[in-house]
Structure formats: C-alpha cells, structure tokens
Amino acid sequence: MPKLYPRLSQAEALLRYKTARDPVEKIRWQAISLALEGKTMDEIAQATLPSKRWVYMVLKRFNPLGPEGLADYRHRNPGQRPKHTPEEQVRVLRALQGSPPDGGLWTGPKLRDWVERELGNGLYSAHPRAPASA
C-alpha cells in the first residue's frame, strides 16, 4: 500500500465522503477515509467493492494532488467535436425522412454511402467498410 500523506484529518475525509454528491468521488473519499483510519488495502477494497488495484491508484493519486485528485473529471469532458456541421446534420436528417436512393429502408451502410457521396466525408472512418446491401 502506498504511504498516504495526510493532507487532511480522517474526520475531514469522512465528512467529505458523507457530503460528496458524485458517486465516484464519494467512493474515493470513502477509500481515503478508511486509509487514514489505518485500514489495509484488502479491507478498503472489501468496504468499497473495487479492486485492490483501484484502491492503490486512488491512494497514489491523492498523495501528489490532494483532494483535487479525487474529482471525477469525466463529467467535464465535452466529448468529441461533431464530425459534421449543423447544416450537414440537417441534410442528413432530411434525407432520412425519405427513402434511400435505391428504395427500401435506410441501413447503416446505406447512410454511410449517402453521406460519403453527398457530403464528401464519412461517418465511420475508423471502422472497416462493409458493403451496402439492398
């Protein structure tokens, strides 16, 4: 178990655990509180459910970053920028309101081919091409 540098008291860690709103941060504060209480990694893992490796990573991150290291930054990640402009998205939605060029129903491959043909860029550039079926 990494040595935990007490940046705050066990009582403060317990209070932060009890008042945390984010479930990920809450469980991280619980792990810190238990570590400051002197519990082993096995005991912390049993109490919090994650693995001993998870406990190790939380404790290791807490040492250099303190409370800020326990934040769950996934909520702040806006995700990937849209691949198509709003105007292109409107064109795609309009096309989907009608039938595909060959009739029938829209499928993923038919939509991909339409986007490549009409907009000049792809939908699934990271994935291998599957032939469109009629």
Protein backbone atom coordinates (compact mmCIF):
# COMPACT_ATOMS: atom_id res chain seq x y z
CA MET A 1 0.00 0.00 0.00
CA PRO A 2 1.42 3.41 -0.87
CA LYS A 3 2.24 5.64 2.05
CA LEU A 4 -0.61 8.10 2.41
CA TYR A 5 0.45 11.65 3.19
CA PRO A 6 -2.25 13.03 5.48
CA ARG A 7 -3.31 16.21 3.74
CA LEU A 8 -6.37 16.38 5.97
CA SER A 9 -7.72 14.61 9.03
CA GLN A 10 -9.66 11.39 8.97
CA ALA A 11 -12.68 13.32 10.27
CA GLU A 12 -12.43 15.77 7.34
CA ALA A 13 -12.13 12.89 4.86
CA LEU A 14 -15.14 11.20 6.45
CA LEU A 15 -17.14 14.43 6.22
CA ARG A 16 -16.23 14.80 2.53
CA TYR A 17 -17.26 11.17 1.98
CA LYS A 18 -20.63 11.76 3.61
CA THR A 19 -21.31 15.02 1.76
CA ALA A 20 -19.99 14.08 -1.71
CA ARG A 21 -22.68 14.27 -4.37
CA ASP A 22 -20.86 12.49 -7.17
CA PRO A 23 -20.91 8.70 -6.58
CA VAL A 24 -17.38 8.21 -7.94
CA GLU A 25 -15.93 10.94 -5.74
CA LYS A 26 -17.93 9.59 -2.79
CA ILE A 27 -16.35 6.14 -3.04
CA ARG A 28 -12.90 7.69 -3.48
CA TRP A 29 -13.39 9.75 -0.31
CA GLN A 30 -14.53 6.60 1.47
CA ALA A 31 -11.28 4.88 0.44
CA ILE A 32 -9.19 7.83 1.69
CA SER A 33 -11.14 7.96 4.96
CA LEU A 34 -10.58 4.25 5.55
CA ALA A 35 -6.88 4.54 4.70
CA LEU A 36 -6.48 7.41 7.17
CA GLU A 37 -8.22 5.19 9.71
CA GLY A 38 -5.40 2.68 9.22
CA LYS A 39 -7.29 0.07 7.19
CA THR A 40 -5.38 -2.20 4.79
CA MET A 41 -5.91 -2.23 1.04
CA ASP A 42 -7.82 -5.53 1.38
CA GLU A 43 -10.14 -4.01 3.98
CA ILE A 44 -10.67 -0.88 1.88
CA ALA A 45 -11.39 -2.93 -1.24
CA GLN A 46 -13.93 -5.04 0.67
CA ALA A 47 -15.68 -1.95 2.04
CA THR A 48 -15.77 -0.05 -1.25
CA LEU A 49 -16.16 -3.00 -3.67
CA PRO A 50 -13.49 -2.02 -6.23
CA SER A 51 -10.27 -3.99 -6.51
CA LYS A 52 -7.06 -3.57 -4.54
CA ARG A 53 -5.50 -2.08 -7.69
CA TRP A 54 -8.23 0.60 -7.75
CA VAL A 55 -7.57 1.39 -4.08
CA TYR A 56 -3.84 1.65 -4.82
CA MET A 57 -4.46 4.08 -7.72
CA VAL A 58 -6.77 6.30 -5.63
CA LEU A 59 -4.28 6.49 -2.77
CA LYS A 60 -1.39 7.08 -5.14
CA ARG A 61 -3.26 9.92 -6.90
CA PHE A 62 -4.25 11.51 -3.59
CA ASN A 63 -0.64 11.98 -2.47
CA PRO A 64 0.52 14.47 -5.13
CA LEU A 65 -2.85 16.06 -5.92
CA GLY A 66 -4.70 16.02 -2.62
CA PRO A 67 -8.49 16.40 -2.66
CA GLU A 68 -8.39 17.64 -6.27
CA GLY A 69 -7.05 14.22 -7.29
CA LEU A 70 -10.30 12.56 -6.22
CA ALA A 71 -12.53 14.56 -8.57
CA ASP A 72 -14.31 12.68 -11.34
CA TYR A 73 -13.36 14.68 -14.42
CA ARG A 74 -15.41 12.55 -16.81
CA HIS A 75 -18.35 14.92 -16.26
CA ARG A 76 -16.27 17.83 -17.55
CA ASN A 77 -15.28 16.09 -20.77
CA PRO A 78 -17.40 17.52 -23.61
CA GLY A 79 -16.64 14.55 -25.86
CA GLN A 80 -15.50 14.54 -29.42
CA ARG A 81 -16.35 17.50 -31.65
CA PRO A 82 -19.19 16.68 -34.09
CA LYS A 83 -17.89 15.32 -37.36
CA HIS A 84 -20.42 17.27 -39.44
CA THR A 85 -21.54 20.89 -39.39
CA PRO A 86 -25.07 21.72 -38.23
CA GLU A 87 -26.05 22.28 -41.88
CA GLU A 88 -24.73 18.86 -42.86
CA GLN A 89 -26.59 17.28 -39.96
CA VAL A 90 -29.82 18.89 -41.19
CA ARG A 91 -29.19 17.48 -44.70
CA VAL A 92 -28.70 14.00 -43.24
CA LEU A 93 -31.89 14.24 -41.16
CA ARG A 94 -33.86 15.43 -44.21
CA ALA A 95 -32.51 12.55 -46.28
CA LEU A 96 -33.53 10.09 -43.57
CA GLN A 97 -37.10 11.39 -43.73
CA GLY A 98 -37.40 9.96 -47.23
CA SER A 99 -36.37 6.70 -48.83
CA PRO A 100 -32.77 5.82 -49.65
CA PRO A 101 -31.71 6.28 -53.30
CA ASP A 102 -32.19 2.58 -54.07
CA GLY A 103 -35.56 2.36 -52.27
CA GLY A 104 -36.25 0.10 -49.32
CA LEU A 105 -35.28 1.11 -45.82
CA TRP A 106 -32.27 3.03 -44.57
CA THR A 107 -29.46 0.90 -43.16
CA GLY A 108 -26.16 1.94 -41.61
CA PRO A 109 -24.15 1.12 -44.74
CA LYS A 110 -26.68 2.94 -46.98
CA LEU A 111 -26.47 6.03 -44.78
CA ARG A 112 -22.67 5.87 -44.76
CA ASP A 113 -22.59 5.66 -48.57
CA TRP A 114 -25.07 8.54 -48.90
CA VAL A 115 -23.03 10.75 -46.56
CA GLU A 116 -19.81 9.98 -48.44
CA ARG A 117 -21.45 10.68 -51.79
CA GLU A 118 -23.45 13.79 -50.81
CA LEU A 119 -21.24 15.40 -48.17
CA GLY A 120 -17.84 14.16 -49.25
CA ASN A 121 -16.84 12.76 -45.88
CA GLY A 122 -17.51 9.59 -43.96
CA LEU A 123 -19.37 8.61 -40.85
CA TYR A 124 -17.24 5.69 -39.71
CA SER A 125 -13.71 6.46 -40.82
CA ALA A 126 -12.19 4.37 -38.04
CA HIS A 127 -14.13 1.23 -38.96
CA PRO A 128 -13.68 -1.11 -41.90
CA ARG A 129 -16.16 -0.75 -44.74
CA ALA A 130 -18.99 -3.21 -45.07
CA PRO A 131 -20.71 -3.29 -48.46
CA ALA A 132 -24.17 -1.75 -48.54
CA SER A 133 -26.93 -4.29 -49.03
CA ALA A 134 -30.11 -3.57 -50.93
